[in-house]
Amino acid sequence: MEEELNQLTLMGRTEIKGKKYPMYLERLGLICSIIITIIITVGIWNNLDWPTWINIFFSACLAPLFALSFAEIIGRIIQSFNN
C-alpha cells in the first residue's frame, strides 16, 4: 500500500504526513486583517482631504487587496511556525 502511495505522488517522492494545520489561526488572521483594513479605510476617509473619487477607489479597489495580502502574510507566518 505504501509503495502505491509513493507512485501516486509527484515524481515518486516519499511523502510524510506533517502536523495538522491550525485553520482557526488563519481564520482569526483573516478577520484581523479585515478589521485592520476597515479601520485604515475609515481613517483615510475621515483624516485626509482627498477627493471623493480617490477615497472610493481606495475603498473599493486597494483596501480589499491590502486585506487579502495581509491575510496571506499572516497565513505564511503561521505556516512557517507550524513546520
Protein backbone atom coordinates (compact mmCIF):
# COMPACT_ATOMS: atom_id res chain seq x y z
CA MET A 1 0.00 0.00 0.00
CA GLU A 2 2.79 2.45 0.86
CA GLU A 3 4.57 1.75 -2.43
CA GLU A 4 1.36 2.51 -4.31
CA LEU A 5 1.07 5.80 -2.45
CA ASN A 6 4.64 6.76 -3.39
CA GLN A 7 3.92 6.05 -7.05
CA LEU A 8 0.96 8.43 -6.94
CA THR A 9 2.96 11.36 -5.61
CA LEU A 10 4.69 13.88 -7.80
CA MET A 11 7.95 12.43 -9.18
CA GLY A 12 7.74 9.40 -6.87
CA ARG A 13 8.68 11.33 -3.73
CA THR A 14 8.17 9.87 -0.32
CA GLU A 15 5.58 12.00 1.40
CA ILE A 16 5.40 12.11 5.17
CA LYS A 17 2.36 13.35 7.00
CA GLY A 18 3.01 16.56 8.90
CA LYS A 19 1.26 18.22 11.78
CA LYS A 20 -2.32 19.36 11.45
CA TYR A 21 -2.53 22.92 10.13
CA PRO A 22 -4.22 25.32 12.59
CA MET A 23 -7.02 26.69 10.39
CA TYR A 24 -8.55 28.59 13.30
CA LEU A 25 -5.42 30.76 13.48
CA GLU A 26 -5.59 31.54 9.78
CA ARG A 27 -9.27 32.43 10.05
CA LEU A 28 -8.50 34.64 13.02
CA GLY A 29 -5.75 36.29 10.96
CA LEU A 30 -8.21 36.89 8.10
CA ILE A 31 -10.71 38.51 10.46
CA CYS A 32 -7.96 40.67 11.99
CA SER A 33 -6.74 41.77 8.56
CA ILE A 34 -10.29 42.74 7.55
CA ILE A 35 -10.77 44.72 10.77
CA ILE A 36 -7.43 46.49 10.34
CA THR A 37 -8.30 47.33 6.73
CA ILE A 38 -11.67 48.77 7.75
CA ILE A 39 -10.01 50.90 10.44
CA ILE A 40 -7.42 52.18 7.95
CA THR A 41 -10.11 52.91 5.34
CA VAL A 42 -12.27 54.84 7.83
CA GLY A 43 -9.18 56.74 8.98
CA ILE A 44 -8.35 57.72 5.41
CA TRP A 45 -11.94 58.86 4.77
CA ASN A 46 -12.02 60.95 7.96
CA ASN A 47 -8.50 62.36 8.24
CA LEU A 48 -7.37 63.06 4.69
CA ASP A 49 -8.93 65.69 2.48
CA TRP A 50 -8.63 63.72 -0.72
CA PRO A 51 -11.24 63.99 -3.46
CA THR A 52 -14.16 61.59 -3.11
CA TRP A 53 -13.21 59.56 -6.18
CA ILE A 54 -9.80 58.74 -4.67
CA ASN A 55 -11.44 57.62 -1.43
CA ILE A 56 -13.90 55.43 -3.34
CA PHE A 57 -11.10 53.98 -5.46
CA PHE A 58 -9.09 53.17 -2.35
CA SER A 59 -12.09 51.67 -0.56
CA ALA A 60 -13.29 49.59 -3.50
CA CYS A 61 -10.03 48.52 -5.14
CA LEU A 62 -6.97 48.90 -2.94
CA ALA A 63 -8.38 48.12 0.51
CA PRO A 64 -9.61 44.58 -0.38
CA LEU A 65 -6.25 43.81 -2.00
CA PHE A 66 -4.49 45.04 1.12
CA ALA A 67 -6.72 42.90 3.35
CA LEU A 68 -6.11 39.74 1.32
CA SER A 69 -2.37 40.40 1.09
CA PHE A 70 -2.15 40.96 4.82
CA ALA A 71 -4.14 37.76 5.46
CA GLU A 72 -1.79 35.84 3.15
CA ILE A 73 1.25 37.17 5.01
CA ILE A 74 -0.30 36.09 8.32
CA GLY A 75 -1.02 32.63 6.86
CA ARG A 76 2.56 32.26 5.65
CA ILE A 77 3.90 33.25 9.07
CA ILE A 78 1.63 30.69 10.73
CA GLN A 79 2.74 28.06 8.24
CA SER A 80 6.44 28.80 8.86
CA PHE A 81 5.96 28.44 12.63
CA ASN A 82 3.93 25.26 12.16
CA ASN A 83 6.56 23.48 10.05
